[in-house]
């Protein structure tokens, strides 16, 4: 490595603004604050809901009458 051209590598703490969890990481930045981390994000905690996706499917079926055709053929 050439001397004097690389940024200084620091060990700093990353703090989550939502839950307050702190992690130590190596980076060239001084302080890092993040909105959500893996400790509080709904995808990683298993609290994620798919309400919007279910609404889209129902809206599609209602628009094109897919449920009505199934009931008529029985």
PDB file of N, CA and C in Angstrom:
ATOM      1  N   UNK A   1       0.845  -1.186   0.000  1.00  0.00           N
ATOM      2  CA  UNK A   1       0.000   0.000   0.000  1.00  0.00           C
ATOM      3  C   UNK A   1       0.884   1.241   0.000  1.00  0.00           C
ATOM      4  N   UNK A   2       0.483   2.210  -0.784  1.00  0.00           N
ATOM      5  CA  UNK A   2       1.205   3.469  -0.803  1.00  0.00           C
ATOM      6  C   UNK A   2       0.881   4.254   0.459  1.00  0.00           C
ATOM      7  N   UNK A   3       1.853   4.834   1.081  1.00  0.00           N
ATOM      8  CA  UNK A   3       1.573   5.615   2.301  1.00  0.00           C
ATOM      9  C   UNK A   3       0.920   6.953   1.964  1.00  0.00           C
ATOM     10  N   UNK A   4      -0.057   7.333   2.805  1.00  0.00           N
ATOM     11  CA  UNK A   4      -0.667   8.651   2.709  1.00  0.00           C
ATOM     12  C   UNK A   4      -1.832   8.795   1.742  1.00  0.00           C
ATOM     13  N   UNK A   5      -2.236   7.734   1.020  1.00  0.00           N
ATOM     14  CA  UNK A   5      -3.350   7.886   0.084  1.00  0.00           C
ATOM     15  C   UNK A   5      -4.618   7.183   0.554  1.00  0.00           C
ATOM     16  N   UNK A   6      -4.538   6.374   1.563  1.00  0.00           N
ATOM     17  CA  UNK A   6      -5.692   5.616   2.036  1.00  0.00           C
ATOM     18  C   UNK A   6      -6.339   6.313   3.231  1.00  0.00           C
ATOM     19  N   UNK A   7      -7.672   6.244   3.339  1.00  0.00           N
ATOM     20  CA  UNK A   7      -8.341   6.846   4.507  1.00  0.00           C
ATOM     21  C   UNK A   7      -8.030   6.069   5.775  1.00  0.00           C
ATOM     22  N   UNK A   8      -8.145   6.735   6.897  1.00  0.00           N
ATOM     23  CA  UNK A   8      -7.867   6.093   8.183  1.00  0.00           C
ATOM     24  C   UNK A   8      -9.007   5.143   8.536  1.00  0.00           C
ATOM     25  N   UNK A   9      -8.658   3.940   8.897  1.00  0.00           N
ATOM     26  CA  UNK A   9      -9.616   2.895   9.252  1.00  0.00           C
ATOM     27  C   UNK A   9      -9.832   2.927  10.754  1.00  0.00           C
ATOM     28  N   UNK A  10     -11.073   3.146  11.191  1.00  0.00           N
ATOM     29  CA  UNK A  10     -11.406   3.268  12.617  1.00  0.00           C
ATOM     30  C   UNK A  10     -12.346   2.158  13.045  1.00  0.00           C
ATOM     31  N   UNK A  11     -12.288   1.798  14.296  1.00  0.00           N
ATOM     32  CA  UNK A  11     -13.310   0.944  14.900  1.00  0.00           C
ATOM     33  C   UNK A  11     -14.272   1.892  15.599  1.00  0.00           C
ATOM     34  N   UNK A  12     -15.528   1.878  15.153  1.00  0.00           N
ATOM     35  CA  UNK A  12     -16.518   2.817  15.676  1.00  0.00           C
ATOM     36  C   UNK A  12     -17.792   2.071  16.037  1.00  0.00           C
ATOM     37  N   UNK A  13     -18.688   2.742  16.715  1.00  0.00           N
ATOM     38  CA  UNK A  13     -19.955   2.136  17.117  1.00  0.00           C
ATOM     39  C   UNK A  13     -21.066   2.611  16.192  1.00  0.00           C
ATOM     40  N   UNK A  14     -21.912   1.662  15.803  1.00  0.00           N
ATOM     41  CA  UNK A  14     -23.108   1.954  15.024  1.00  0.00           C
ATOM     42  C   UNK A  14     -24.271   1.866  15.986  1.00  0.00           C
ATOM     43  N   UNK A  15     -25.081   2.929  16.057  1.00  0.00           N
ATOM     44  CA  UNK A  15     -26.200   2.964  16.993  1.00  0.00           C
ATOM     45  C   UNK A  15     -27.512   2.993  16.227  1.00  0.00           C
ATOM     46  N   UNK A  16     -28.433   2.102  16.613  1.00  0.00           N
ATOM     47  CA  UNK A  16     -29.763   2.043  16.016  1.00  0.00           C
ATOM     48  C   UNK A  16     -30.635   3.108  16.678  1.00  0.00           C
ATOM     49  N   UNK A  17     -31.287   3.927  15.850  1.00  0.00           N
ATOM     50  CA  UNK A  17     -32.136   4.995  16.379  1.00  0.00           C
ATOM     51  C   UNK A  17     -33.456   4.461  16.926  1.00  0.00           C
ATOM     52  N   UNK A  18     -33.887   3.289  16.466  1.00  0.00           N
ATOM     53  CA  UNK A  18     -35.167   2.738  16.896  1.00  0.00           C
ATOM     54  C   UNK A  18     -35.080   2.053  18.249  1.00  0.00           C
ATOM     55  N   UNK A  19     -34.144   1.117  18.390  1.00  0.00           N
ATOM     56  CA  UNK A  19     -34.093   0.331  19.626  1.00  0.00           C
ATOM     57  C   UNK A  19     -32.894   0.661  20.510  1.00  0.00           C
ATOM     58  N   UNK A  20     -31.917   1.401  20.000  1.00  0.00           N
ATOM     59  CA  UNK A  20     -30.780   1.803  20.810  1.00  0.00           C
ATOM     60  C   UNK A  20     -29.645   0.789  20.872  1.00  0.00           C
ATOM     61  N   UNK A  21     -29.710  -0.287  20.112  1.00  0.00           N
ATOM     62  CA  UNK A  21     -28.664  -1.295  20.101  1.00  0.00           C
ATOM     63  C   UNK A  21     -27.402  -0.719  19.465  1.00  0.00           C
ATOM     64  N   UNK A  22     -26.238  -1.063  20.025  1.00  0.00           N
ATOM     65  CA  UNK A  22     -24.974  -0.586  19.489  1.00  0.00           C
ATOM     66  C   UNK A  22     -24.130  -1.758  19.031  1.00  0.00           C
ATOM     67  N   UNK A  23     -23.482  -1.582  17.887  1.00  0.00           N
ATOM     68  CA  UNK A  23     -22.576  -2.577  17.324  1.00  0.00           C
ATOM     69  C   UNK A  23     -21.228  -1.920  17.079  1.00  0.00           C
ATOM     70  N   UNK A  24     -20.148  -2.667  17.236  1.00  0.00           N
ATOM     71  CA  UNK A  24     -18.825  -2.171  16.887  1.00  0.00           C
ATOM     72  C   UNK A  24     -18.459  -2.694  15.518  1.00  0.00           C
ATOM     73  N   UNK A  25     -18.083  -1.784  14.629  1.00  0.00           N
ATOM     74  CA  UNK A  25     -17.690  -2.149  13.274  1.00  0.00           C
ATOM     75  C   UNK A  25     -16.448  -1.367  12.883  1.00  0.00           C
ATOM     76  N   UNK A  26     -15.764  -1.858  11.875  1.00  0.00           N
ATOM     77  CA  UNK A  26     -14.616  -1.157  11.331  1.00  0.00           C
ATOM     78  C   UNK A  26     -15.042  -0.368  10.107  1.00  0.00           C
ATOM     79  N   UNK A  27     -14.730   0.918  10.070  1.00  0.00           N
ATOM     80  CA  UNK A  27     -15.157   1.779   8.975  1.00  0.00           C
ATOM     81  C   UNK A  27     -14.256   3.002   8.890  1.00  0.00           C
ATOM     82  N   UNK A  28     -14.412   3.756   7.819  1.00  0.00           N
ATOM     83  CA  UNK A  28     -13.667   5.001   7.677  1.00  0.00           C
ATOM     84  C   UNK A  28     -14.459   6.183   8.227  1.00  0.00           C
ATOM     85  N   UNK A  29     -15.734   5.978   8.556  1.00  0.00           N
ATOM     86  CA  UNK A  29     -16.567   7.044   9.134  1.00  0.00           C
ATOM     87  C   UNK A  29     -16.342   7.115  10.641  1.00  0.00           C
ATOM     88  N   UNK A  30     -16.661   8.258  11.217  1.00  0.00           N
ATOM     89  CA  UNK A  30     -16.463   8.434  12.657  1.00  0.00           C
ATOM     90  C   UNK A  30     -17.616   7.855  13.461  1.00  0.00           C
ATOM     91  N   UNK A  31     -18.827   8.307  13.223  1.00  0.00           N
ATOM     92  CA  UNK A  31     -20.000   7.836  13.954  1.00  0.00           C
ATOM     93  C   UNK A  31     -21.086   7.477  12.955  1.00  0.00           C
ATOM     94  N   UNK A  32     -21.791   6.380  13.208  1.00  0.00           N
ATOM     95  CA  UNK A  32     -22.873   5.963  12.341  1.00  0.00           C
ATOM     96  C   UNK A  32     -24.141   5.777  13.162  1.00  0.00           C
ATOM     97  N   UNK A  33     -25.241   6.321  12.641  1.00  0.00           N
ATOM     98  CA  UNK A  33     -26.569   6.112  13.234  1.00  0.00           C
ATOM     99  C   UNK A  33     -27.450   5.548  12.135  1.00  0.00           C
ATOM    100  N   UNK A  34     -28.156   4.475  12.442  1.00  0.00           N
ATOM    101  CA  UNK A  34     -29.036   3.861  11.468  1.00  0.00           C
ATOM    102  C   UNK A  34     -30.468   3.902  11.982  1.00  0.00           C
ATOM    103  N   UNK A  35     -31.436   3.823  11.062  1.00  0.00           N
ATOM    104  CA  UNK A  35     -32.851   3.879  11.437  1.00  0.00           C
ATOM    105  C   UNK A  35     -33.311   2.591  12.095  1.00  0.00           C
ATOM    106  N   UNK A  36     -33.068   1.462  11.446  1.00  0.00           N
ATOM    107  CA  UNK A  36     -33.456   0.166  11.996  1.00  0.00           C
ATOM    108  C   UNK A  36     -32.313  -0.812  11.813  1.00  0.00           C
ATOM    109  N   UNK A  37     -32.234  -1.774  12.703  1.00  0.00           N
ATOM    110  CA  UNK A  37     -31.190  -2.794  12.627  1.00  0.00           C
ATOM    111  C   UNK A  37     -31.849  -4.167  12.591  1.00  0.00           C
ATOM    112  N   UNK A  38     -31.045  -5.198  12.526  1.00  0.00           N
ATOM    113  CA  UNK A  38     -31.588  -6.557  12.477  1.00  0.00           C
ATOM    114  C   UNK A  38     -32.247  -6.950  13.792  1.00  0.00           C
ATOM    115  N   UNK A  39     -31.983  -6.219  14.850  1.00  0.00           N
ATOM    116  CA  UNK A  39     -32.575  -6.511  16.151  1.00  0.00           C
ATOM    117  C   UNK A  39     -34.032  -6.045  16.236  1.00  0.00           C
ATOM    118  N   UNK A  40     -34.390  -4.988  15.480  1.00  0.00           N
ATOM    119  CA  UNK A  40     -35.738  -4.435  15.604  1.00  0.00           C
ATOM    120  C   UNK A  40     -36.506  -4.401  14.288  1.00  0.00           C
ATOM    121  N   UNK A  41     -35.897  -4.764  13.171  1.00  0.00           N
ATOM    122  CA  UNK A  41     -36.596  -4.727  11.878  1.00  0.00           C
ATOM    123  C   UNK A  41     -37.618  -5.861  11.805  1.00  0.00           C
ATOM    124  N   UNK A  42     -38.849  -5.592  11.357  1.00  0.00           N
ATOM    125  CA  UNK A  42     -39.903  -6.617  11.339  1.00  0.00           C
ATOM    126  C   UNK A  42     -39.567  -7.842  10.501  1.00  0.00           C
ATOM    127  N   UNK A  43     -38.793  -7.697   9.440  1.00  0.00           N
ATOM    128  CA  UNK A  43     -38.449  -8.851   8.606  1.00  0.00           C
ATOM    129  C   UNK A  43     -37.601  -9.855   9.386  1.00  0.00           C
ATOM    130  N   UNK A  44     -36.649  -9.366  10.173  1.00  0.00           N
ATOM    131  CA  UNK A  44     -35.756 -10.250  10.915  1.00  0.00           C
ATOM    132  C   UNK A  44     -36.363 -10.760  12.211  1.00  0.00           C
ATOM    133  N   UNK A  45     -37.302 -10.012  12.800  1.00  0.00           N
ATOM    134  CA  UNK A  45     -37.899 -10.432  14.064  1.00  0.00           C
ATOM    135  C   UNK A  45     -39.087 -11.354  13.879  1.00  0.00           C
ATOM    136  N   UNK A  46     -39.571 -11.512  12.644  1.00  0.00           N
ATOM    137  CA  UNK A  46     -40.712 -12.385  12.378  1.00  0.00           C
ATOM    138  C   UNK A  46     -42.049 -11.725  12.606  1.00  0.00           C
ATOM    139  N   UNK A  47     -42.097 -10.429  12.780  1.00  0.00           N
ATOM    140  CA  UNK A  47     -43.340  -9.711  13.016  1.00  0.00           C
ATOM    141  C   UNK A  47     -43.870  -9.048  11.748  1.00  0.00           C
ATOM    142  N   UNK A  48     -43.301  -9.388  10.598  1.00  0.00           N
ATOM    143  CA  UNK A  48     -43.715  -8.792   9.343  1.00  0.00           C
ATOM    144  C   UNK A  48     -45.085  -9.316   8.943  1.00  0.00           C
ATOM    145  N   UNK A  49     -45.935  -8.439   8.458  1.00  0.00           N
ATOM    146  CA  UNK A  49     -47.267  -8.834   8.021  1.00  0.00           C
ATOM    147  C   UNK A  49     -47.395  -8.589   6.523  1.00  0.00           C
ATOM    148  N   UNK A  50     -48.221  -9.374   5.884  1.00  0.00           N
ATOM    149  CA  UNK A  50     -48.420  -9.267   4.456  1.00  0.00           C
ATOM    150  C   UNK A  50     -49.862  -8.848   4.150  1.00  0.00           C
ATOM    151  N   UNK A  51     -50.363  -7.879   4.862  1.00  0.00           N
ATOM    152  CA  UNK A  51     -51.741  -7.427   4.707  1.00  0.00           C
ATOM    153  C   UNK A  51     -51.927  -6.784   3.334  1.00  0.00           C
ATOM    154  N   UNK A  52     -50.984  -6.003   2.909  1.00  0.00           N
ATOM    155  CA  UNK A  52     -51.105  -5.296   1.645  1.00  0.00           C
ATOM    156  C   UNK A  52     -51.120  -6.275   0.469  1.00  0.00           C
ATOM    157  N   UNK A  53     -50.287  -7.302   0.507  1.00  0.00           N
ATOM    158  CA  UNK A  53     -50.249  -8.283  -0.575  1.00  0.00           C
ATOM    159  C   UNK A  53     -51.565  -9.052  -0.651  1.00  0.00           C
ATOM    160  N   UNK A  54     -52.141  -9.398   0.477  1.00  0.00           N
ATOM    161  CA  UNK A  54     -53.419 -10.106   0.473  1.00  0.00           C
ATOM    162  C   UNK A  54     -54.500  -9.220  -0.127  1.00  0.00           C
ATOM    163  N   UNK A  55     -54.465  -7.951   0.143  1.00  0.00           N
ATOM    164  CA  UNK A  55     -55.432  -7.027  -0.421  1.00  0.00           C
ATOM    165  C   UNK A  55     -55.301  -6.914  -1.928  1.00  0.00           C
ATOM    166  N   UNK A  56     -54.082  -6.993  -2.433  1.00  0.00           N
ATOM    167  CA  UNK A  56     -53.870  -6.917  -3.874  1.00  0.00           C
ATOM    168  C   UNK A  56     -54.463  -8.127  -4.579  1.00  0.00           C
ATOM    169  N   UNK A  57     -54.274  -9.302  -4.011  1.00  0.00           N
ATOM    170  CA  UNK A  57     -54.808 -10.523  -4.616  1.00  0.00           C
ATOM    171  C   UNK A  57     -56.331 -10.485  -4.635  1.00  0.00           C
ATOM    172  N   UNK A  58     -56.931 -10.090  -3.529  1.00  0.00           N
ATOM    173  CA  UNK A  58     -58.390  -9.995  -3.465  1.00  0.00           C
ATOM    174  C   UNK A  58     -58.915  -8.961  -4.454  1.00  0.00           C
ATOM    175  N   UNK A  59     -58.220  -7.853  -4.592  1.00  0.00           N
ATOM    176  CA  UNK A  59     -58.630  -6.823  -5.528  1.00  0.00           C
ATOM    177  C   UNK A  59     -58.558  -7.342  -6.971  1.00  0.00           C
ATOM    178  N   UNK A  60     -57.509  -8.091  -7.296  1.00  0.00           N
ATOM    179  CA  UNK A  60     -57.370  -8.685  -8.619  1.00  0.00           C
ATOM    180  C   UNK A  60     -58.492  -9.676  -8.894  1.00  0.00           C
ATOM    181  N   UNK A  61     -58.751 -10.561  -7.937  1.00  0.00           N
ATOM    182  CA  UNK A  61     -59.819 -11.557  -8.106  1.00  0.00           C
ATOM    183  C   UNK A  61     -61.182 -10.889  -8.249  1.00  0.00           C
ATOM    184  N   UNK A  62     -61.399  -9.830  -7.500  1.00  0.00           N
ATOM    185  CA  UNK A  62     -62.672  -9.125  -7.585  1.00  0.00           C
ATOM    186  C   UNK A  62     -62.814  -8.422  -8.931  1.00  0.00           C
ATOM    187  N   UNK A  63     -61.743  -7.837  -9.408  1.00  0.00           N
ATOM    188  CA  UNK A  63     -61.787  -7.104 -10.668  1.00  0.00           C
ATOM    189  C   UNK A  63     -62.072  -8.023 -11.847  1.00  0.00           C
ATOM    190  N   UNK A  64     -61.434  -9.185 -11.876  1.00  0.00           N
ATOM    191  CA  UNK A  64     -61.580 -10.081 -13.009  1.00  0.00           C
ATOM    192  C   UNK A  64     -62.572 -11.215 -12.762  1.00  0.00           C
ATOM    193  N   UNK A  65     -63.215 -11.240 -11.627  1.00  0.00           N
ATOM    194  CA  UNK A  65     -64.269 -12.199 -11.346  1.00  0.00           C
ATOM    195  C   UNK A  65     -63.805 -13.639 -11.300  1.00  0.00           C
ATOM    196  N   UNK A  66     -62.597 -13.886 -10.832  1.00  0.00           N
ATOM    197  CA  UNK A  66     -62.078 -15.251 -10.814  1.00  0.00           C
ATOM    198  C   UNK A  66     -62.793 -16.122  -9.792  1.00  0.00           C
ATOM    199  N   UNK A  67     -63.172 -15.572  -8.670  1.00  0.00           N
ATOM    200  CA  UNK A  67     -63.862 -16.353  -7.646  1.00  0.00           C
ATOM    201  C   UNK A  67     -65.293 -16.691  -8.082  1.00  0.00           C
ATOM    202  N   UNK A  68     -65.945 -15.813  -8.813  1.00  0.00           N
ATOM    203  CA  UNK A  68     -67.319 -16.043  -9.254  1.00  0.00           C
ATOM    204  C   UNK A  68     -67.379 -17.172 -10.278  1.00  0.00           C
ATOM    205  N   UNK A  69     -66.395 -17.270 -11.167  1.00  0.00           N
ATOM    206  CA  UNK A  69     -66.382 -18.325 -12.183  1.00  0.00           C
ATOM    207  C   UNK A  69     -66.234 -19.690 -11.546  1.00  0.00           C
ATOM    208  N   UNK A  70     -65.427 -19.800 -10.494  1.00  0.00           N
ATOM    209  CA  UNK A  70     -65.225 -21.071  -9.814  1.00  0.00           C
ATOM    210  C   UNK A  70     -66.539 -21.537  -9.157  1.00  0.00           C
ATOM    211  N   UNK A  71     -67.268 -20.612  -8.554  1.00  0.00           N
ATOM    212  CA  UNK A  71     -68.500 -20.956  -7.866  1.00  0.00           C
ATOM    213  C   UNK A  71     -69.602 -21.351  -8.854  1.00  0.00           C
ATOM    214  N   UNK A  72     -69.639 -20.727 -10.049  1.00  0.00           N
ATOM    215  CA  UNK A  72     -70.652 -21.039 -11.055  1.00  0.00           C
ATOM    216  C   UNK A  72     -70.453 -22.427 -11.669  1.00  0.00           C
ATOM    217  N   UNK A  73     -69.196 -22.877 -11.787  1.00  0.00           N
ATOM    218  CA  UNK A  73     -68.928 -24.162 -12.434  1.00  0.00           C
ATOM    219  C   UNK A  73     -69.198 -25.347 -11.529  1.00  0.00           C
ATOM    220  N   UNK A  74     -69.398 -25.154 -10.252  1.00  0.00           N
ATOM    221  CA  UNK A  74     -69.614 -26.256  -9.309  1.00  0.00           C
ATOM    222  C   UNK A  74     -71.011 -26.771  -9.359  1.00  0.00           C
TER     223      UNK A  74
END
